[in-house]
Amino acid sequence: MIFDSHFHIIDPAFPLVENQGFLPDTCTVKDYQQRTGLLNMHGGAIVSGSFQGFDQRYLIASLQALGKGFVGVAQNYGSVGEAAKWILSFSMLIGKLEVLTIIAIFHRAFWRQ
């Protein structure tokens, strides 16, 4: 049983957005099925690319066409408010810097034991 852990569907029937002047070649669901037909694929993860912008209609259509076993991975912050984006950004920085570890190292109780 094979699960394709990362692939893109690029369907010109849905809006595509250039990313720094780049647009990938077309790869529709039909193209994907033809290319992987001999592999006995049982599922996979369609990953939304930056060239699809925030329009996820292609993802829904692709998942419906591919059927059970396939999932979609998308990052869509289009509906998130400005304040929430700042909170998310700050939280990401805190996590990246591992602030709690740094606080623990500099706390007196850490060194007493």
N, C-alpha and C. Protein backbone atom coordinates (compact mmCIF):
# COMPACT_ATOMS: atom_id res chain seq x y z
N MET A 1 0.85 -1.17 0.00
CA MET A 1 0.00 0.00 0.00
C MET A 1 0.90 1.24 0.00
N ILE A 2 0.63 2.18 -0.89
CA ILE A 2 1.45 3.38 -1.01
C ILE A 2 0.61 4.62 -0.70
N PHE A 3 1.19 5.52 0.11
CA PHE A 3 0.58 6.81 0.44
C PHE A 3 1.54 7.89 -0.05
N ASP A 4 1.10 8.73 -0.96
CA ASP A 4 1.92 9.82 -1.49
C ASP A 4 1.88 10.97 -0.49
N SER A 5 2.98 11.21 0.20
CA SER A 5 2.97 12.14 1.33
C SER A 5 3.02 13.62 0.95
N HIS A 6 3.26 13.95 -0.32
CA HIS A 6 3.34 15.36 -0.70
C HIS A 6 3.26 15.49 -2.22
N PHE A 7 2.16 16.04 -2.70
CA PHE A 7 2.07 16.33 -4.14
C PHE A 7 1.16 17.52 -4.36
N HIS A 8 1.29 18.13 -5.53
CA HIS A 8 0.49 19.30 -5.89
C HIS A 8 -0.40 18.97 -7.08
N ILE A 9 -1.58 19.53 -7.06
CA ILE A 9 -2.47 19.50 -8.22
C ILE A 9 -2.50 20.93 -8.75
N ILE A 10 -2.09 21.11 -9.98
CA ILE A 10 -2.09 22.43 -10.61
C ILE A 10 -3.08 22.37 -11.77
N ASP A 11 -4.27 22.86 -11.51
CA ASP A 11 -5.37 22.77 -12.47
C ASP A 11 -5.68 24.16 -13.01
N PRO A 12 -5.47 24.39 -14.30
CA PRO A 12 -5.74 25.72 -14.88
C PRO A 12 -7.21 26.11 -14.88
N ALA A 13 -8.10 25.17 -14.51
CA ALA A 13 -9.52 25.51 -14.40
C ALA A 13 -9.78 26.41 -13.19
N PHE A 14 -8.78 26.50 -12.30
CA PHE A 14 -8.88 27.33 -11.10
C PHE A 14 -7.79 28.40 -11.15
N PRO A 15 -8.01 29.54 -10.48
CA PRO A 15 -7.05 30.65 -10.55
C PRO A 15 -5.66 30.26 -10.05
N LEU A 16 -4.64 30.68 -10.80
CA LEU A 16 -3.25 30.49 -10.40
C LEU A 16 -2.60 31.86 -10.26
N VAL A 17 -1.70 31.99 -9.29
CA VAL A 17 -1.04 33.26 -9.00
C VAL A 17 0.46 33.07 -9.16
N GLU A 18 1.09 33.92 -9.95
CA GLU A 18 2.55 33.83 -10.10
C GLU A 18 3.23 34.08 -8.77
N ASN A 19 4.26 33.31 -8.50
CA ASN A 19 5.08 33.50 -7.31
C ASN A 19 6.46 33.91 -7.79
N GLN A 20 6.77 35.19 -7.67
CA GLN A 20 8.03 35.76 -8.15
C GLN A 20 8.26 35.42 -9.62
N GLY A 21 7.18 35.52 -10.40
CA GLY A 21 7.25 35.28 -11.84
C GLY A 21 7.17 33.82 -12.24
N PHE A 22 7.00 32.92 -11.31
CA PHE A 22 6.98 31.48 -11.61
C PHE A 22 5.57 30.91 -11.52
N LEU A 23 5.20 30.14 -12.53
CA LEU A 23 3.99 29.33 -12.51
C LEU A 23 4.38 27.90 -12.87
N PRO A 24 4.03 26.92 -12.06
CA PRO A 24 4.42 25.54 -12.36
C PRO A 24 3.64 24.98 -13.54
N ASP A 25 4.15 23.89 -14.08
CA ASP A 25 3.46 23.19 -15.17
C ASP A 25 2.15 22.61 -14.65
N THR A 26 1.22 22.42 -15.55
CA THR A 26 -0.08 21.85 -15.20
C THR A 26 0.07 20.39 -14.78
N CYS A 27 -0.67 20.02 -13.75
CA CYS A 27 -0.78 18.62 -13.32
C CYS A 27 -2.17 18.45 -12.71
N THR A 28 -3.12 18.09 -13.52
CA THR A 28 -4.50 17.92 -13.06
C THR A 28 -4.65 16.58 -12.34
N VAL A 29 -5.82 16.35 -11.78
CA VAL A 29 -6.10 15.07 -11.12
C VAL A 29 -5.94 13.94 -12.12
N LYS A 30 -6.42 14.14 -13.34
CA LYS A 30 -6.31 13.12 -14.37
C LYS A 30 -4.83 12.83 -14.69
N ASP A 31 -4.02 13.90 -14.79
CA ASP A 31 -2.57 13.72 -15.03
C ASP A 31 -1.95 12.91 -13.89
N TYR A 32 -2.28 13.28 -12.66
CA TYR A 32 -1.73 12.61 -11.49
C TYR A 32 -2.10 11.12 -11.50
N GLN A 33 -3.36 10.83 -11.80
CA GLN A 33 -3.81 9.44 -11.81
C GLN A 33 -3.12 8.64 -12.91
N GLN A 34 -2.88 9.28 -14.06
CA GLN A 34 -2.17 8.59 -15.14
C GLN A 34 -0.72 8.31 -14.76
N ARG A 35 -0.07 9.27 -14.09
CA ARG A 35 1.34 9.11 -13.72
C ARG A 35 1.54 8.09 -12.60
N THR A 36 0.56 7.94 -11.75
CA THR A 36 0.70 7.05 -10.59
C THR A 36 -0.14 5.78 -10.71
N GLY A 37 -0.79 5.59 -11.83
CA GLY A 37 -1.72 4.48 -12.01
C GLY A 37 -1.15 3.10 -11.73
N LEU A 38 0.10 2.87 -12.07
CA LEU A 38 0.71 1.55 -11.87
C LEU A 38 1.23 1.35 -10.45
N LEU A 39 1.18 2.38 -9.62
CA LEU A 39 1.74 2.30 -8.27
C LEU A 39 0.76 1.80 -7.21
N ASN A 40 -0.48 1.59 -7.60
CA ASN A 40 -1.50 1.12 -6.65
C ASN A 40 -1.61 2.06 -5.44
N MET A 41 -1.77 3.35 -5.74
CA MET A 41 -1.82 4.39 -4.72
C MET A 41 -3.11 4.26 -3.91
N HIS A 42 -2.98 4.28 -2.56
CA HIS A 42 -4.14 4.16 -1.68
C HIS A 42 -4.50 5.46 -0.98
N GLY A 43 -3.72 6.49 -1.21
CA GLY A 43 -4.00 7.77 -0.58
C GLY A 43 -2.84 8.72 -0.77
N GLY A 44 -3.06 9.94 -0.29
CA GLY A 44 -2.00 10.92 -0.41
C GLY A 44 -2.41 12.25 0.19
N ALA A 45 -1.44 13.16 0.25
CA ALA A 45 -1.66 14.49 0.81
C ALA A 45 -1.41 15.53 -0.28
N ILE A 46 -2.49 16.18 -0.71
CA ILE A 46 -2.36 17.27 -1.68
C ILE A 46 -1.96 18.51 -0.89
N VAL A 47 -0.83 19.10 -1.25
CA VAL A 47 -0.31 20.27 -0.55
C VAL A 47 -0.61 21.51 -1.37
N SER A 48 -1.24 22.48 -0.75
CA SER A 48 -1.59 23.72 -1.42
C SER A 48 -0.33 24.57 -1.60
N GLY A 49 -0.08 25.01 -2.82
CA GLY A 49 1.10 25.82 -3.12
C GLY A 49 0.80 27.31 -3.10
N SER A 50 1.84 28.11 -2.97
CA SER A 50 1.68 29.57 -2.95
C SER A 50 1.07 30.08 -4.25
N PHE A 51 1.27 29.35 -5.34
CA PHE A 51 0.74 29.76 -6.64
C PHE A 51 -0.77 29.59 -6.72
N GLN A 52 -1.40 29.00 -5.71
CA GLN A 52 -2.85 28.90 -5.68
C GLN A 52 -3.48 29.98 -4.82
N GLY A 53 -2.67 30.83 -4.24
CA GLY A 53 -3.19 31.91 -3.42
C GLY A 53 -4.01 31.37 -2.26
N PHE A 54 -5.10 32.05 -1.95
CA PHE A 54 -5.97 31.62 -0.87
C PHE A 54 -7.22 30.91 -1.38
N ASP A 55 -7.32 30.68 -2.67
CA ASP A 55 -8.48 30.02 -3.27
C ASP A 55 -8.30 28.51 -3.15
N GLN A 56 -9.10 27.87 -2.34
CA GLN A 56 -8.97 26.43 -2.09
C GLN A 56 -10.02 25.60 -2.82
N ARG A 57 -10.75 26.19 -3.75
CA ARG A 57 -11.77 25.43 -4.49
C ARG A 57 -11.14 24.27 -5.26
N TYR A 58 -9.94 24.48 -5.80
CA TYR A 58 -9.27 23.41 -6.54
C TYR A 58 -9.00 22.22 -5.61
N LEU A 59 -8.66 22.50 -4.35
CA LEU A 59 -8.35 21.46 -3.39
C LEU A 59 -9.58 20.61 -3.09
N ILE A 60 -10.69 21.26 -2.89
CA ILE A 60 -11.95 20.54 -2.62
C ILE A 60 -12.33 19.68 -3.82
N ALA A 61 -12.24 20.25 -5.02
CA ALA A 61 -12.57 19.49 -6.24
C ALA A 61 -11.63 18.31 -6.43
N SER A 62 -10.36 18.51 -6.15
CA SER A 62 -9.36 17.44 -6.30
C SER A 62 -9.63 16.31 -5.31
N LEU A 63 -9.93 16.66 -4.07
CA LEU A 63 -10.21 15.64 -3.06
C LEU A 63 -11.46 14.84 -3.41
N GLN A 64 -12.46 15.52 -3.93
CA GLN A 64 -13.68 14.82 -4.34
C GLN A 64 -13.39 13.86 -5.49
N ALA A 65 -12.55 14.30 -6.44
CA ALA A 65 -12.22 13.46 -7.59
C ALA A 65 -11.33 12.27 -7.22
N LEU A 66 -10.41 12.47 -6.28
CA LEU A 66 -9.48 11.40 -5.90
C LEU A 66 -10.11 10.39 -4.96
N GLY A 67 -11.03 10.84 -4.12
CA GLY A 67 -11.76 9.92 -3.26
C GLY A 67 -11.12 9.65 -1.91
N LYS A 68 -11.62 8.61 -1.27
CA LYS A 68 -11.22 8.25 0.09
C LYS A 68 -9.72 7.94 0.15
N GLY A 69 -9.11 8.34 1.25
CA GLY A 69 -7.68 8.08 1.44
C GLY A 69 -6.80 9.29 1.16
N PHE A 70 -7.35 10.29 0.49
CA PHE A 70 -6.58 11.49 0.18
C PHE A 70 -7.00 12.63 1.10
N VAL A 71 -6.03 13.44 1.50
CA VAL A 71 -6.28 14.58 2.38
C VAL A 71 -5.66 15.83 1.76
N GLY A 72 -6.12 16.98 2.24
CA GLY A 72 -5.59 18.25 1.76
C GLY A 72 -4.85 18.98 2.86
N VAL A 73 -3.76 19.63 2.49
CA VAL A 73 -2.97 20.42 3.43
C VAL A 73 -2.93 21.85 2.90
N ALA A 74 -3.49 22.78 3.68
CA ALA A 74 -3.55 24.17 3.22
C ALA A 74 -3.26 25.11 4.37
N GLN A 75 -2.61 26.20 4.06
CA GLN A 75 -2.41 27.28 5.01
C GLN A 75 -3.16 28.47 4.45
N ASN A 76 -4.22 28.82 5.11
CA ASN A 76 -5.05 29.90 4.61
C ASN A 76 -5.34 30.88 5.73
N TYR A 77 -4.61 31.97 5.74
CA TYR A 77 -4.80 32.99 6.76
C TYR A 77 -5.62 34.17 6.25
N GLY A 78 -6.31 33.98 5.13
CA GLY A 78 -7.09 35.05 4.53
C GLY A 78 -8.20 35.58 5.43
N SER A 79 -8.80 34.71 6.23
CA SER A 79 -9.92 35.13 7.08
C SER A 79 -9.49 35.52 8.49
N VAL A 80 -8.20 35.43 8.78
CA VAL A 80 -7.69 35.76 10.11
C VAL A 80 -7.47 37.27 10.19
N GLY A 81 -7.97 37.88 11.26
CA GLY A 81 -7.83 39.33 11.44
C GLY A 81 -6.39 39.75 11.69
N GLU A 82 -6.14 41.05 11.54
CA GLU A 82 -4.79 41.59 11.68
C GLU A 82 -4.24 41.36 13.09
N ALA A 83 -5.04 41.58 14.12
CA ALA A 83 -4.59 41.39 15.50
C ALA A 83 -4.23 39.92 15.74
N ALA A 84 -5.03 39.02 15.23
CA ALA A 84 -4.75 37.59 15.41
C ALA A 84 -3.46 37.19 14.70
N LYS A 85 -3.19 37.79 13.55
CA LYS A 85 -1.93 37.49 12.84
C LYS A 85 -0.73 37.94 13.66
N TRP A 86 -0.85 39.08 14.34
CA TRP A 86 0.25 39.56 15.21
C TRP A 86 0.45 38.61 16.39
N ILE A 87 -0.65 38.14 16.97
CA ILE A 87 -0.56 37.21 18.09
C ILE A 87 0.09 35.90 17.63
N LEU A 88 -0.33 35.40 16.48
CA LEU A 88 0.25 34.16 15.95
C LEU A 88 1.74 34.34 15.65
N SER A 89 2.10 35.49 15.09
CA SER A 89 3.51 35.76 14.78
C SER A 89 4.34 35.82 16.05
N PHE A 90 3.83 36.51 17.07
CA PHE A 90 4.54 36.61 18.34
C PHE A 90 4.69 35.23 18.98
N SER A 91 3.63 34.44 18.94
CA SER A 91 3.67 33.09 19.51
C SER A 91 4.69 32.22 18.79
N MET A 92 4.78 32.38 17.48
CA MET A 92 5.77 31.62 16.72
C MET A 92 7.18 32.00 17.15
N LEU A 93 7.43 33.29 17.32
CA LEU A 93 8.75 33.73 17.75
C LEU A 93 9.09 33.20 19.14
N ILE A 94 8.13 33.26 20.05
CA ILE A 94 8.34 32.73 21.39
C ILE A 94 8.71 31.25 21.32
N GLY A 95 7.98 30.50 20.51
CA GLY A 95 8.27 29.08 20.36
C GLY A 95 9.62 28.82 19.74
N LYS A 96 9.98 29.62 18.74
CA LYS A 96 11.28 29.44 18.09
C LYS A 96 12.43 29.75 19.02
N LEU A 97 12.27 30.74 19.85
CA LEU A 97 13.34 31.14 20.75
C LEU A 97 13.42 30.27 21.99
N GLU A 98 12.42 29.42 22.17
CA GLU A 98 12.34 28.55 23.34
C GLU A 98 12.55 29.36 24.61
N VAL A 99 11.72 30.37 24.75
CA VAL A 99 11.83 31.31 25.85
C VAL A 99 11.69 30.62 27.20
N LEU A 100 10.81 29.63 27.30
CA LEU A 100 10.63 28.97 28.59
C LEU A 100 11.91 28.26 29.03
N THR A 101 12.63 27.68 28.10
CA THR A 101 13.91 27.04 28.43
C THR A 101 14.91 28.07 28.93
N ILE A 102 14.97 29.19 28.26
CA ILE A 102 15.89 30.26 28.67
C ILE A 102 15.52 30.78 30.05
N ILE A 103 14.23 30.98 30.30
CA ILE A 103 13.78 31.44 31.62
C ILE A 103 14.16 30.43 32.69
N ALA A 104 13.96 29.16 32.41
CA ALA A 104 14.30 28.12 33.39
C ALA A 104 15.79 28.13 33.71
N ILE A 105 16.62 28.28 32.71
CA ILE A 105 18.07 28.28 32.94
C ILE A 105 18.49 29.45 33.83
N PHE A 106 17.86 30.59 33.67
CA PHE A 106 18.24 31.77 34.44
C PHE A 106 17.48 31.90 35.76
N HIS A 107 16.60 30.97 36.05
CA HIS A 107 15.84 31.03 37.30
C HIS A 107 16.65 30.38 38.42
N ARG A 108 16.64 30.98 39.61
CA ARG A 108 17.42 30.49 40.74
C ARG A 108 17.08 29.06 41.12
N ALA A 109 15.83 28.69 41.07
CA ALA A 109 15.41 27.35 41.48
C ALA A 109 16.05 26.26 40.60
N PHE A 110 16.31 26.57 39.36
CA PHE A 110 16.93 25.62 38.44
C PHE A 110 18.33 25.21 38.94
N TRP A 111 19.08 26.15 39.48
CA TRP A 111 20.46 25.91 39.90
C TRP A 111 20.58 25.38 41.33
N ARG A 112 19.53 25.43 42.11
CA ARG A 112 19.59 24.94 43.49
C ARG A 112 19.67 23.42 43.54
N GLN A 113 19.14 22.76 42.58
CA GLN A 113 19.10 21.30 42.62
C GLN A 113 20.35 20.78 42.07
